Amino acid sequence: MRDSGLLHALLGIGSRRDLEHHPKVGASWEGYAVEEALKALQPDDAYYWATYNGAELDLLLFKRGHRIGVECKRADAPTLTPSMRVAMTDLKLDELYVVYPGEKRYPLADKVTVVPLAEFAGAL
């Protein structure tokens, strides 16, 4: 669902407190972050990617010939996951950005950077 306000209304979420205690808070934030990333970056192509073994990537973007991975994490300090490693290798990503609701930008691994959602568009 692209409209998080409508999603929250349908789920009976009436306040920020309700949202933060709801089991769908992570999915709601992920949807919002994906939507904001797509609006800000305006990629040439965008896909969700997953394997039969369970590895997944929230966004696989193609922009000006570059392969960019985006993983959205509602966490205070995201860490490198096995899915991210698989995506980097299998998709031959130029960069992988882990978007989160925090305030600090920092490297997580070679070609993997944690970026606050508020500054994500400027990261590219």
PDB file of N, CA and C in Angstrom:
ATOM      1  N   MET A   1       0.848  -1.169   0.000  1.00  0.00           N
ATOM      2  CA  MET A   1       0.000   0.000   0.000  1.00  0.00           C
ATOM      3  C   MET A   1       0.893   1.232   0.000  1.00  0.00           C
ATOM      4  N   ARG A   2       0.641   2.147  -0.893  1.00  0.00           N
ATOM      5  CA  ARG A   2       1.513   3.311  -1.066  1.00  0.00           C
ATOM      6  C   ARG A   2       1.178   4.450  -0.126  1.00  0.00           C
ATOM      7  N   ASP A   3      -0.009   4.493   0.430  1.00  0.00           N
ATOM      8  CA  ASP A   3      -0.416   5.589   1.310  1.00  0.00           C
ATOM      9  C   ASP A   3      -0.386   5.107   2.754  1.00  0.00           C
ATOM     10  N   SER A   4       0.637   5.511   3.500  1.00  0.00           N
ATOM     11  CA  SER A   4       0.776   5.016   4.875  1.00  0.00           C
ATOM     12  C   SER A   4      -0.347   5.528   5.772  1.00  0.00           C
ATOM     13  N   GLY A   5      -0.873   6.718   5.494  1.00  0.00           N
ATOM     14  CA  GLY A   5      -1.993   7.232   6.285  1.00  0.00           C
ATOM     15  C   GLY A   5      -3.229   6.363   6.130  1.00  0.00           C
ATOM     16  N   LEU A   6      -3.512   5.948   4.909  1.00  0.00           N
ATOM     17  CA  LEU A   6      -4.646   5.064   4.654  1.00  0.00           C
ATOM     18  C   LEU A   6      -4.415   3.705   5.312  1.00  0.00           C
ATOM     19  N   LEU A   7      -3.195   3.189   5.196  1.00  0.00           N
ATOM     20  CA  LEU A   7      -2.855   1.924   5.851  1.00  0.00           C
ATOM     21  C   LEU A   7      -3.107   2.015   7.349  1.00  0.00           C
ATOM     22  N   HIS A   8      -2.646   3.097   7.963  1.00  0.00           N
ATOM     23  CA  HIS A   8      -2.820   3.258   9.411  1.00  0.00           C
ATOM     24  C   HIS A   8      -4.297   3.331   9.783  1.00  0.00           C
ATOM     25  N   ALA A   9      -5.087   4.030   8.988  1.00  0.00           N
ATOM     26  CA  ALA A   9      -6.524   4.120   9.259  1.00  0.00           C
ATOM     27  C   ALA A   9      -7.179   2.743   9.160  1.00  0.00           C
ATOM     28  N   LEU A  10      -6.828   1.979   8.130  1.00  0.00           N
ATOM     29  CA  LEU A  10      -7.408   0.644   7.958  1.00  0.00           C
ATOM     30  C   LEU A  10      -6.997  -0.316   9.074  1.00  0.00           C
ATOM     31  N   LEU A  11      -5.820  -0.093   9.643  1.00  0.00           N
ATOM     32  CA  LEU A  11      -5.345  -0.937  10.743  1.00  0.00           C
ATOM     33  C   LEU A  11      -5.815  -0.436  12.106  1.00  0.00           C
ATOM     34  N   GLY A  12      -6.543   0.675  12.125  1.00  0.00           N
ATOM     35  CA  GLY A  12      -7.035   1.224  13.383  1.00  0.00           C
ATOM     36  C   GLY A  12      -5.959   1.924  14.202  1.00  0.00           C
ATOM     37  N   ILE A  13      -4.947   2.422  13.537  1.00  0.00           N
ATOM     38  CA  ILE A  13      -3.856   3.118  14.219  1.00  0.00           C
ATOM     39  C   ILE A  13      -4.198   4.600  14.237  1.00  0.00           C
ATOM     40  N   GLY A  14      -4.431   5.131  15.449  1.00  0.00           N
ATOM     41  CA  GLY A  14      -4.872   6.517  15.559  1.00  0.00           C
ATOM     42  C   GLY A  14      -3.838   7.491  16.077  1.00  0.00           C
ATOM     43  N   SER A  15      -2.728   6.980  16.576  1.00  0.00           N
ATOM     44  CA  SER A  15      -1.713   7.873  17.136  1.00  0.00           C
ATOM     45  C   SER A  15      -0.318   7.298  16.896  1.00  0.00           C
ATOM     46  N   ARG A  16       0.684   8.133  17.127  1.00  0.00           N
ATOM     47  CA  ARG A  16       2.063   7.675  16.981  1.00  0.00           C
ATOM     48  C   ARG A  16       2.350   6.552  17.977  1.00  0.00           C
ATOM     49  N   ARG A  17       1.806   6.690  19.172  1.00  0.00           N
ATOM     50  CA  ARG A  17       1.993   5.652  20.200  1.00  0.00           C
ATOM     51  C   ARG A  17       1.398   4.325  19.736  1.00  0.00           C
ATOM     52  N   ASP A  18       0.192   4.388  19.165  1.00  0.00           N
ATOM     53  CA  ASP A  18      -0.440   3.177  18.625  1.00  0.00           C
ATOM     54  C   ASP A  18       0.445   2.543  17.551  1.00  0.00           C
ATOM     55  N   LEU A  19       0.985   3.386  16.683  1.00  0.00           N
ATOM     56  CA  LEU A  19       1.830   2.894  15.595  1.00  0.00           C
ATOM     57  C   LEU A  19       3.079   2.210  16.135  1.00  0.00           C
ATOM     58  N   GLU A  20       3.739   2.831  17.097  1.00  0.00           N
ATOM     59  CA  GLU A  20       4.990   2.285  17.621  1.00  0.00           C
ATOM     60  C   GLU A  20       4.808   0.959  18.356  1.00  0.00           C
ATOM     61  N   HIS A  21       3.581   0.669  18.767  1.00  0.00           N
ATOM     62  CA  HIS A  21       3.314  -0.599  19.455  1.00  0.00           C
ATOM     63  C   HIS A  21       2.589  -1.611  18.565  1.00  0.00           C
ATOM     64  N   HIS A  22       2.368  -1.248  17.323  1.00  0.00           N
ATOM     65  CA  HIS A  22       1.638  -2.127  16.407  1.00  0.00           C
ATOM     66  C   HIS A  22       2.599  -3.117  15.748  1.00  0.00           C
ATOM     67  N   PRO A  23       2.176  -4.371  15.531  1.00  0.00           N
ATOM     68  CA  PRO A  23       3.062  -5.358  14.899  1.00  0.00           C
ATOM     69  C   PRO A  23       3.457  -5.004  13.458  1.00  0.00           C
ATOM     70  N   LYS A  24       2.760  -4.094  12.819  1.00  0.00           N
ATOM     71  CA  LYS A  24       3.075  -3.714  11.435  1.00  0.00           C
ATOM     72  C   LYS A  24       3.915  -2.440  11.343  1.00  0.00           C
ATOM     73  N   VAL A  25       4.458  -1.971  12.467  1.00  0.00           N
ATOM     74  CA  VAL A  25       5.235  -0.727  12.444  1.00  0.00           C
ATOM     75  C   VAL A  25       6.433  -0.833  11.503  1.00  0.00           C
ATOM     76  N   GLY A  26       7.128  -1.955  11.491  1.00  0.00           N
ATOM     77  CA  GLY A  26       8.286  -2.124  10.612  1.00  0.00           C
ATOM     78  C   GLY A  26       7.895  -2.098   9.148  1.00  0.00           C
ATOM     79  N   ALA A  27       6.835  -2.797   8.809  1.00  0.00           N
ATOM     80  CA  ALA A  27       6.363  -2.822   7.421  1.00  0.00           C
ATOM     81  C   ALA A  27       5.877  -1.443   6.984  1.00  0.00           C
ATOM     82  N   SER A  28       5.223  -0.730   7.891  1.00  0.00           N
ATOM     83  CA  SER A  28       4.751   0.614   7.586  1.00  0.00           C
ATOM     84  C   SER A  28       5.925   1.546   7.307  1.00  0.00           C
ATOM     85  N   TRP A  29       6.947   1.483   8.165  1.00  0.00           N
ATOM     86  CA  TRP A  29       8.112   2.347   7.974  1.00  0.00           C
ATOM     87  C   TRP A  29       8.842   1.984   6.684  1.00  0.00           C
ATOM     88  N   GLU A  30       8.975   0.706   6.421  1.00  0.00           N
ATOM     89  CA  GLU A  30       9.646   0.255   5.199  1.00  0.00           C
ATOM     90  C   GLU A  30       8.923   0.775   3.957  1.00  0.00           C
ATOM     91  N   GLY A  31       7.610   0.674   3.943  1.00  0.00           N
ATOM     92  CA  GLY A  31       6.830   1.181   2.815  1.00  0.00           C
ATOM     93  C   GLY A  31       7.013   2.675   2.622  1.00  0.00           C
ATOM     94  N   TYR A  32       7.008   3.408   3.728  1.00  0.00           N
ATOM     95  CA  TYR A  32       7.221   4.855   3.671  1.00  0.00           C
ATOM     96  C   TYR A  32       8.614   5.173   3.129  1.00  0.00           C
ATOM     97  N   ALA A  33       9.627   4.480   3.629  1.00  0.00           N
ATOM     98  CA  ALA A  33      11.007   4.727   3.204  1.00  0.00           C
ATOM     99  C   ALA A  33      11.194   4.402   1.721  1.00  0.00           C
ATOM    100  N   VAL A  34      10.629   3.308   1.265  1.00  0.00           N
ATOM    101  CA  VAL A  34      10.717   2.933  -0.152  1.00  0.00           C
ATOM    102  C   VAL A  34      10.062   4.002  -1.018  1.00  0.00           C
ATOM    103  N   GLU A  35       8.888   4.445  -0.617  1.00  0.00           N
ATOM    104  CA  GLU A  35       8.161   5.466  -1.373  1.00  0.00           C
ATOM    105  C   GLU A  35       8.969   6.765  -1.454  1.00  0.00           C
ATOM    106  N   GLU A  36       9.551   7.176  -0.336  1.00  0.00           N
ATOM    107  CA  GLU A  36      10.358   8.401  -0.311  1.00  0.00           C
ATOM    108  C   GLU A  36      11.613   8.251  -1.176  1.00  0.00           C
ATOM    109  N   ALA A  37      12.238   7.091  -1.120  1.00  0.00           N
ATOM    110  CA  ALA A  37      13.437   6.848  -1.933  1.00  0.00           C
ATOM    111  C   ALA A  37      13.105   6.925  -3.423  1.00  0.00           C
ATOM    112  N   LEU A  38      12.010   6.317  -3.821  1.00  0.00           N
ATOM    113  CA  LEU A  38      11.621   6.343  -5.232  1.00  0.00           C
ATOM    114  C   LEU A  38      11.302   7.760  -5.703  1.00  0.00           C
ATOM    115  N   LYS A  39      10.615   8.531  -4.858  1.00  0.00           N
ATOM    116  CA  LYS A  39      10.295   9.916  -5.220  1.00  0.00           C
ATOM    117  C   LYS A  39      11.557  10.756  -5.361  1.00  0.00           C
ATOM    118  N   ALA A  40      12.461  10.603  -4.411  1.00  0.00           N
ATOM    119  CA  ALA A  40      13.668  11.434  -4.389  1.00  0.00           C
ATOM    120  C   ALA A  40      14.651  11.061  -5.494  1.00  0.00           C
ATOM    121  N   LEU A  41      14.819   9.770  -5.748  1.00  0.00           N
ATOM    122  CA  LEU A  41      15.864   9.317  -6.674  1.00  0.00           C
ATOM    123  C   LEU A  41      15.426   9.233  -8.124  1.00  0.00           C
ATOM    124  N   GLN A  42      14.147   9.018  -8.351  1.00  0.00           N
ATOM    125  CA  GLN A  42      13.609   8.868  -9.699  1.00  0.00           C
ATOM    126  C   GLN A  42      14.499   7.967 -10.563  1.00  0.00           C
ATOM    127  N   PRO A  43      14.619   6.690 -10.171  1.00  0.00           N
ATOM    128  CA  PRO A  43      15.493   5.767 -10.911  1.00  0.00           C
ATOM    129  C   PRO A  43      14.932   5.449 -12.293  1.00  0.00           C
ATOM    130  N   ASP A  44      15.820   4.945 -13.147  1.00  0.00           N
ATOM    131  CA  ASP A  44      15.390   4.500 -14.473  1.00  0.00           C
ATOM    132  C   ASP A  44      14.493   3.267 -14.346  1.00  0.00           C
ATOM    133  N   ASP A  45      14.851   2.356 -13.437  1.00  0.00           N
ATOM    134  CA  ASP A  45      14.062   1.156 -13.147  1.00  0.00           C
ATOM    135  C   ASP A  45      14.198   0.829 -11.670  1.00  0.00           C
ATOM    136  N   ALA A  46      13.165   0.202 -11.108  1.00  0.00           N
ATOM    137  CA  ALA A  46      13.191  -0.195  -9.701  1.00  0.00           C
ATOM    138  C   ALA A  46      12.485  -1.536  -9.542  1.00  0.00           C
ATOM    139  N   TYR A  47      13.092  -2.407  -8.723  1.00  0.00           N
ATOM    140  CA  TYR A  47      12.551  -3.747  -8.510  1.00  0.00           C
ATOM    141  C   TYR A  47      12.706  -4.151  -7.050  1.00  0.00           C
ATOM    142  N   TYR A  48      11.856  -5.075  -6.627  1.00  0.00           N
ATOM    143  CA  TYR A  48      12.054  -5.812  -5.380  1.00  0.00           C
ATOM    144  C   TYR A  48      12.772  -7.084  -5.811  1.00  0.00           C
ATOM    145  N   TRP A  49      13.729  -7.564  -5.003  1.00  0.00           N
ATOM    146  CA  TRP A  49      14.500  -8.750  -5.373  1.00  0.00           C
ATOM    147  C   TRP A  49      14.492  -9.752  -4.229  1.00  0.00           C
ATOM    148  N   ALA A  50      14.295 -11.021  -4.557  1.00  0.00           N
ATOM    149  CA  ALA A  50      14.336 -12.089  -3.551  1.00  0.00           C
ATOM    150  C   ALA A  50      14.788 -13.388  -4.212  1.00  0.00           C
ATOM    151  N   THR A  51      15.356 -14.281  -3.383  1.00  0.00           N
ATOM    152  CA  THR A  51      15.776 -15.598  -3.864  1.00  0.00           C
ATOM    153  C   THR A  51      14.919 -16.668  -3.201  1.00  0.00           C
ATOM    154  N   TYR A  52      14.973 -17.866  -3.745  1.00  0.00           N
ATOM    155  CA  TYR A  52      14.265 -18.996  -3.142  1.00  0.00           C
ATOM    156  C   TYR A  52      14.843 -19.349  -1.778  1.00  0.00           C
ATOM    157  N   ASN A  53      16.091 -18.982  -1.543  1.00  0.00           N
ATOM    158  CA  ASN A  53      16.742 -19.281  -0.264  1.00  0.00           C
ATOM    159  C   ASN A  53      16.435 -18.264   0.820  1.00  0.00           C
ATOM    160  N   GLY A  54      15.643 -17.234   0.495  1.00  0.00           N
ATOM    161  CA  GLY A  54      15.219 -16.277   1.507  1.00  0.00           C
ATOM    162  C   GLY A  54      15.949 -14.947   1.518  1.00  0.00           C
ATOM    163  N   ALA A  55      16.986 -14.789   0.709  1.00  0.00           N
ATOM    164  CA  ALA A  55      17.653 -13.487   0.631  1.00  0.00           C
ATOM    165  C   ALA A  55      16.720 -12.517  -0.084  1.00  0.00           C
ATOM    166  N   GLU A  56      16.706 -11.262   0.368  1.00  0.00           N
ATOM    167  CA  GLU A  56      15.861 -10.274  -0.283  1.00  0.00           C
ATOM    168  C   GLU A  56      16.473  -8.891  -0.169  1.00  0.00           C
ATOM    169  N   LEU A  57      16.017  -8.013  -1.048  1.00  0.00           N
ATOM    170  CA  LEU A  57      16.469  -6.632  -1.086  1.00  0.00           C
ATOM    171  C   LEU A  57      15.238  -5.781  -1.357  1.00  0.00           C
ATOM    172  N   ASP A  58      15.028  -4.742  -0.530  1.00  0.00           N
ATOM    173  CA  ASP A  58      13.825  -3.922  -0.667  1.00  0.00           C
ATOM    174  C   ASP A  58      13.748  -3.214  -2.011  1.00  0.00           C
ATOM    175  N   LEU A  59      14.877  -2.717  -2.490  1.00  0.00           N
ATOM    176  CA  LEU A  59      14.901  -2.043  -3.785  1.00  0.00           C
ATOM    177  C   LEU A  59      16.184  -2.365  -4.535  1.00  0.00           C
ATOM    178  N   LEU A  60      16.036  -2.708  -5.782  1.00  0.00           N
ATOM    179  CA  LEU A  60      17.153  -2.815  -6.715  1.00  0.00           C
ATOM    180  C   LEU A  60      16.902  -1.720  -7.738  1.00  0.00           C
ATOM    181  N   LEU A  61      17.751  -0.704  -7.728  1.00  0.00           N
ATOM    182  CA  LEU A  61      17.564   0.450  -8.592  1.00  0.00           C
ATOM    183  C   LEU A  61      18.609   0.474  -9.699  1.00  0.00           C
ATOM    184  N   PHE A  62      18.184   0.925 -10.840  1.00  0.00           N
ATOM    185  CA  PHE A  62      19.090   1.180 -11.953  1.00  0.00           C
ATOM    186  C   PHE A  62      18.980   2.660 -12.267  1.00  0.00           C
ATOM    187  N   LYS A  63      20.110   3.348 -12.169  1.00  0.00           N
ATOM    188  CA  LYS A  63      20.117   4.784 -12.439  1.00  0.00           C
ATOM    189  C   LYS A  63      21.419   5.150 -13.137  1.00  0.00           C
ATOM    190  N   ARG A  64      21.282   5.673 -14.344  1.00  0.00           N
ATOM    191  CA  ARG A  64      22.442   6.091 -15.140  1.00  0.00           C
ATOM    192  C   ARG A  64      23.499   4.998 -15.233  1.00  0.00           C
ATOM    193  N   GLY A  65      23.073   3.770 -15.465  1.00  0.00           N
ATOM    194  CA  GLY A  65      24.001   2.659 -15.646  1.00  0.00           C
ATOM    195  C   GLY A  65      24.540   2.042 -14.368  1.00  0.00           C
ATOM    196  N   HIS A  66      24.114   2.524 -13.214  1.00  0.00           N
ATOM    197  CA  HIS A  66      24.590   1.986 -11.936  1.00  0.00           C
ATOM    198  C   HIS A  66      23.541   1.066 -11.319  1.00  0.00           C
ATOM    199  N   ARG A  67      24.027   0.021 -10.660  1.00  0.00           N
ATOM    200  CA  ARG A  67      23.164  -0.908  -9.916  1.00  0.00           C
ATOM    201  C   ARG A  67      23.253  -0.526  -8.446  1.00  0.00           C
ATOM    202  N   ILE A  68      22.128  -0.134  -7.883  1.00  0.00           N
ATOM    203  CA  ILE A  68      22.102   0.353  -6.509  1.00  0.00           C
ATOM    204  C   ILE A  68      21.103  -0.470  -5.712  1.00  0.00           C
ATOM    205  N   GLY A  69      21.544  -0.987  -4.583  1.00  0.00           N
ATOM    206  CA  GLY A  69      20.666  -1.712  -3.685  1.00  0.00           C
ATOM    207  C   GLY A  69      20.236  -0.812  -2.545  1.00  0.00           C
ATOM    208  N   VAL A  70      18.996  -0.982  -2.110  1.00  0.00           N
ATOM    209  CA  VAL A  70      18.477  -0.231  -0.969  1.00  0.00           C
ATOM    210  C   VAL A  70      17.779  -1.207  -0.039  1.00  0.00           C
ATOM    211  N   GLU A  71      18.194  -1.207   1.197  1.00  0.00           N
ATOM    212  CA  GLU A  71      17.547  -2.013   2.234  1.00  0.00           C
ATOM    213  C   GLU A  71      17.064  -1.039   3.306  1.00  0.00           C
ATOM    214  N   CYS A  72      15.795  -1.105   3.657  1.00  0.00           N
ATOM    215  CA  CYS A  72      15.205  -0.206   4.651  1.00  0.00           C
ATOM    216  C   CYS A  72      15.086  -0.944   5.976  1.00  0.00           C
ATOM    217  N   LYS A  73      15.674  -0.373   7.012  1.00  0.00           N
ATOM    218  CA  LYS A  73      15.675  -1.006   8.332  1.00  0.00           C
ATOM    219  C   LYS A  73      15.186  -0.027   9.386  1.00  0.00           C
ATOM    220  N   ARG A  74      14.154  -0.410  10.111  1.00  0.00           N
ATOM    221  CA  ARG A  74      13.692   0.407  11.234  1.00  0.00           C
ATOM    222  C   ARG A  74      14.441  -0.076  12.474  1.00  0.00           C
ATOM    223  N   ALA A  75      15.674   0.369  12.587  1.00  0.00           N
ATOM    224  CA  ALA A  75      16.548  -0.043  13.686  1.00  0.00           C
ATOM    225  C   ALA A  75      17.435   1.133  14.055  1.00  0.00           C
ATOM    226  N   ASP A  76      17.894   1.157  15.303  1.00  0.00           N
ATOM    227  CA  ASP A  76      18.775   2.236  15.757  1.00  0.00           C
ATOM    228  C   ASP A  76      20.163   2.132  15.151  1.00  0.00           C
ATOM    229  N   ALA A  77      20.643   0.915  14.962  1.00  0.00           N
ATOM    230  CA  ALA A  77      21.990   0.690  14.426  1.00  0.00           C
ATOM    231  C   ALA A  77      21.974  -0.548  13.536  1.00  0.00           C
ATOM    232  N   PRO A  78      21.580  -0.394  12.281  1.00  0.00           N
ATOM    233  CA  PRO A  78      21.519  -1.547  11.376  1.00  0.00           C
ATOM    234  C   PRO A  78      22.874  -2.239  11.227  1.00  0.00           C
ATOM    235  N   THR A  79      22.816  -3.545  11.026  1.00  0.00           N
ATOM    236  CA  THR A  79      24.030  -4.339  10.824  1.00  0.00           C
ATOM    237  C   THR A  79      23.956  -5.036   9.467  1.00  0.00           C
ATOM    238  N   LEU A  80      25.098  -5.493   9.006  1.00  0.00           N
ATOM    239  CA  LEU A  80      25.174  -6.208   7.738  1.00  0.00           C
ATOM    240  C   LEU A  80      24.523  -7.581   7.896  1.00  0.00           C
ATOM    241  N   THR A  81      23.594  -7.909   7.011  1.00  0.00           N
ATOM    242  CA  THR A  81      22.881  -9.181   7.094  1.00  0.00           C
ATOM    243  C   THR A  81      23.366 -10.131   6.001  1.00  0.00           C
ATOM    244  N   PRO A  82      23.106 -11.425   6.166  1.00  0.00           N
ATOM    245  CA  PRO A  82      23.436 -12.368   5.093  1.00  0.00           C
ATOM    246  C   PRO A  82      22.756 -12.002   3.767  1.00  0.00           C
ATOM    247  N   SER A  83      21.515 -11.513   3.820  1.00  0.00           N
ATOM    248  CA  SER A  83      20.812 -11.102   2.592  1.00  0.00           C
ATOM    249  C   SER A  83      21.564  -9.996   1.866  1.00  0.00           C
ATOM    250  N   MET A  84      22.112  -9.058   2.631  1.00  0.00           N
ATOM    251  CA  MET A  84      22.865  -7.960   2.011  1.00  0.00           C
ATOM    252  C   MET A  84      24.117  -8.485   1.319  1.00  0.00           C
ATOM    253  N   ARG A  85      24.796  -9.424   1.961  1.00  0.00           N
ATOM    254  CA  ARG A  85      26.001 -10.010   1.352  1.00  0.00           C
ATOM    255  C   ARG A  85      25.662 -10.733   0.046  1.00  0.00           C
ATOM    256  N   VAL A  86      24.587 -11.512   0.073  1.00  0.00           N
ATOM    257  CA  VAL A  86      24.155 -12.245  -1.122  1.00  0.00           C
ATOM    258  C   VAL A  86      23.788 -11.264  -2.233  1.00  0.00           C
ATOM    259  N   ALA A  87      23.044 -10.216  -1.890  1.00  0.00           N
ATOM    260  CA  ALA A  87      22.640  -9.227  -2.890  1.00  0.00           C
ATOM    261  C   ALA A  87      23.853  -8.544  -3.513  1.00  0.00           C
ATOM    262  N   MET A  88      24.826  -8.168  -2.695  1.00  0.00           N
ATOM    263  CA  MET A  88      26.033  -7.513  -3.215  1.00  0.00           C
ATOM    264  C   MET A  88      26.723  -8.400  -4.251  1.00  0.00           C
ATOM    265  N   THR A  89      26.841  -9.684  -3.935  1.00  0.00           N
ATOM    266  CA  THR A  89      27.535 -10.623  -4.818  1.00  0.00           C
ATOM    267  C   THR A  89      26.699 -10.995  -6.039  1.00  0.00           C
ATOM    268  N   ASP A  90      25.485 -11.469  -5.803  1.00  0.00           N
ATOM    269  CA  ASP A  90      24.651 -11.964  -6.902  1.00  0.00           C
ATOM    270  C   ASP A  90      24.260 -10.869  -7.895  1.00  0.00           C
ATOM    271  N   LEU A  91      23.986  -9.676  -7.387  1.00  0.00           N
ATOM    272  CA  LEU A  91      23.513  -8.591  -8.247  1.00  0.00           C
ATOM    273  C   LEU A  91      24.631  -7.679  -8.742  1.00  0.00           C
ATOM    274  N   LYS A  92      25.846  -7.933  -8.249  1.00  0.00           N
ATOM    275  CA  LYS A  92      27.002  -7.102  -8.635  1.00  0.00           C
ATOM    276  C   LYS A  92      26.692  -5.617  -8.442  1.00  0.00           C
ATOM    277  N   LEU A  93      26.243  -5.286  -7.227  1.00  0.00           N
ATOM    278  CA  LEU A  93      25.846  -3.912  -6.919  1.00  0.00           C
ATOM    279  C   LEU A  93      27.048  -2.973  -6.893  1.00  0.00           C
ATOM    280  N   ASP A  94      26.839  -1.769  -7.404  1.00  0.00           N
ATOM    281  CA  ASP A  94      27.863  -0.731  -7.298  1.00  0.00           C
ATOM    282  C   ASP A  94      27.882  -0.168  -5.879  1.00  0.00           C
ATOM    283  N   GLU A  95      26.707  -0.061  -5.281  1.00  0.00           N
ATOM    284  CA  GLU A  95      26.559   0.436  -3.909  1.00  0.00           C
ATOM    285  C   GLU A  95      25.328  -0.202  -3.288  1.00  0.00           C
ATOM    286  N   LEU A  96      25.359  -0.329  -1.974  1.00  0.00           N
ATOM    287  CA  LEU A  96      24.188  -0.762  -1.217  1.00  0.00           C
ATOM    288  C   LEU A  96      23.995   0.243  -0.091  1.00  0.00           C
ATOM    289  N   TYR A  97      22.806   0.823  -0.030  1.00  0.00           N
ATOM    290  CA  TYR A  97      22.473   1.782   1.019  1.00  0.00           C
ATOM    291  C   TYR A  97      21.466   1.149   1.968  1.00  0.00           C
ATOM    292  N   VAL A  98      21.762   1.238   3.250  1.00  0.00           N
ATOM    293  CA  VAL A  98      20.848   0.777   4.287  1.00  0.00           C
ATOM    294  C   VAL A  98      20.216   2.038   4.867  1.00  0.00           C
ATOM    295  N   VAL A  99      18.952   2.248   4.561  1.00  0.00           N
ATOM    296  CA  VAL A  99      18.242   3.448   4.980  1.00  0.00           C
ATOM    297  C   VAL A  99      17.570   3.165   6.319  1.00  0.00           C
ATOM    298  N   TYR A 100      17.750   4.095   7.265  1.00  0.00           N
ATOM    299  CA  TYR A 100      17.177   3.890   8.594  1.00  0.00           C
ATOM    300  C   TYR A 100      16.694   5.223   9.164  1.00  0.00           C
ATOM    301  N   PRO A 101      15.923   5.205  10.270  1.00  0.00           N
ATOM    302  CA  PRO A 101      15.371   6.452  10.805  1.00  0.00           C
ATOM    303  C   PRO A 101      16.331   7.226  11.710  1.00  0.00           C
ATOM    304  N   GLY A 102      17.573   6.822  11.782  1.00  0.00           N
ATOM    305  CA  GLY A 102      18.551   7.494  12.639  1.00  0.00           C
ATOM    306  C   GLY A 102      19.071   8.785  12.039  1.00  0.00           C
ATOM    307  N   GLU A 103      20.138   9.295  12.644  1.00  0.00           N
ATOM    308  CA  GLU A 103      20.671  10.602  12.243  1.00  0.00           C
ATOM    309  C   GLU A 103      22.103  10.563  11.729  1.00  0.00           C
ATOM    310  N   LYS A 104      22.815   9.457  11.915  1.00  0.00           N
ATOM    311  CA  LYS A 104      24.222   9.389  11.522  1.00  0.00           C
ATOM    312  C   LYS A 104      24.419   8.504  10.303  1.00  0.00           C
ATOM    313  N   ARG A 105      25.301   8.972   9.433  1.00  0.00           N
ATOM    314  CA  ARG A 105      25.692   8.199   8.252  1.00  0.00           C
ATOM    315  C   ARG A 105      27.009   7.509   8.586  1.00  0.00           C
ATOM    316  N   TYR A 106      27.131   6.216   8.241  1.00  0.00           N
ATOM    317  CA  TYR A 106      28.386   5.516   8.520  1.00  0.00           C
ATOM    318  C   TYR A 106      28.548   4.316   7.594  1.00  0.00           C
ATOM    319  N   PRO A 107      29.816   3.942   7.324  1.00  0.00           N
ATOM    320  CA  PRO A 107      30.070   2.766   6.483  1.00  0.00           C
ATOM    321  C   PRO A 107      29.805   1.492   7.275  1.00  0.00           C
ATOM    322  N   LEU A 108      29.259   0.499   6.596  1.00  0.00           N
ATOM    323  CA  LEU A 108      28.978  -0.791   7.226  1.00  0.00           C
ATOM    324  C   LEU A 108      29.937  -1.854   6.704  1.00  0.00           C
ATOM    325  N   ALA A 109      30.312  -1.736   5.449  1.00  0.00           N
ATOM    326  CA  ALA A 109      31.251  -2.654   4.787  1.00  0.00           C
ATOM    327  C   ALA A 109      31.667  -1.982   3.485  1.00  0.00           C
ATOM    328  N   ASP A 110      32.527  -2.649   2.733  1.00  0.00           N
ATOM    329  CA  ASP A 110      32.932  -2.118   1.440  1.00  0.00           C
ATOM    330  C   ASP A 110      31.701  -1.947   0.551  1.00  0.00           C
ATOM    331  N   LYS A 111      31.460  -0.745   0.080  1.00  0.00           N
ATOM    332  CA  LYS A 111      30.339  -0.397  -0.793  1.00  0.00           C
ATOM    333  C   LYS A 111      28.981  -0.483  -0.103  1.00  0.00           C
ATOM    334  N   VAL A 112      28.954  -0.570   1.230  1.00  0.00           N
ATOM    335  CA  VAL A 112      27.702  -0.619   1.984  1.00  0.00           C
ATOM    336  C   VAL A 112      27.716   0.530   2.987  1.00  0.00           C
ATOM    337  N   THR A 113      26.705   1.411   2.895  1.00  0.00           N
ATOM    338  CA  THR A 113      26.639   2.587   3.746  1.00  0.00           C
ATOM    339  C   THR A 113      25.274   2.686   4.406  1.00  0.00           C
ATOM    340  N   VAL A 114      25.271   2.973   5.706  1.00  0.00           N
ATOM    341  CA  VAL A 114      24.034   3.242   6.433  1.00  0.00           C
ATOM    342  C   VAL A 114      23.763   4.737   6.293  1.00  0.00           C
ATOM    343  N   VAL A 115      22.544   5.087   5.864  1.00  0.00           N
ATOM    344  CA  VAL A 115      22.199   6.477   5.587  1.00  0.00           C
ATOM    345  C   VAL A 115      20.848   6.813   6.210  1.00  0.00           C
ATOM    346  N   PRO A 116      20.758   7.943   6.929  1.00  0.00           N
ATOM    347  CA  PRO A 116      19.451   8.379   7.431  1.00  0.00           C
ATOM    348  C   PRO A 116      18.499   8.652   6.264  1.00  0.00           C
ATOM    349  N   LEU A 117      17.243   8.323   6.442  1.00  0.00           N
ATOM    350  CA  LEU A 117      16.258   8.560   5.385  1.00  0.00           C
ATOM    351  C   LEU A 117      16.250  10.029   4.976  1.00  0.00           C
ATOM    352  N   ALA A 118      16.392  10.930   5.953  1.00  0.00           N
ATOM    353  CA  ALA A 118      16.326  12.365   5.670  1.00  0.00           C
ATOM    354  C   ALA A 118      17.396  12.828   4.689  1.00  0.00           C
ATOM    355  N   GLU A 119      18.525  12.140   4.613  1.00  0.00           N
ATOM    356  CA  GLU A 119      19.584  12.563   3.690  1.00  0.00           C
ATOM    357  C   GLU A 119      19.846  11.562   2.572  1.00  0.00           C
ATOM    358  N   PHE A 120      18.994  10.578   2.427  1.00  0.00           N
ATOM    359  CA  PHE A 120      19.244   9.521   1.448  1.00  0.00           C
ATOM    360  C   PHE A 120      19.355  10.043   0.023  1.00  0.00           C
ATOM    361  N   ALA A 121      18.483  10.938  -0.375  1.00  0.00           N
ATOM    362  CA  ALA A 121      18.505  11.433  -1.753  1.00  0.00           C
ATOM    363  C   ALA A 121      19.834  12.094  -2.077  1.00  0.00           C
ATOM    364  N   GLY A 122      20.454  12.727  -1.105  1.00  0.00           N
ATOM    365  CA  GLY A 122      21.737  13.379  -1.322  1.00  0.00           C
ATOM    366  C   GLY A 122      22.906  12.417  -1.325  1.00  0.00           C
ATOM    367  N   ALA A 123      22.663  11.161  -0.963  1.00  0.00           N
ATOM    368  CA  ALA A 123      23.735  10.162  -0.885  1.00  0.00           C
ATOM    369  C   ALA A 123      24.203   9.735  -2.266  1.00  0.00           C
ATOM    370  N   LEU A 124      23.361   9.890  -3.256  1.00  0.00           N
ATOM    371  CA  LEU A 124      23.713   9.428  -4.606  1.00  0.00           C
ATOM    372  C   LEU A 124      24.215  10.553  -5.478  1.00  0.00           C
TER     373      LEU A 124
END
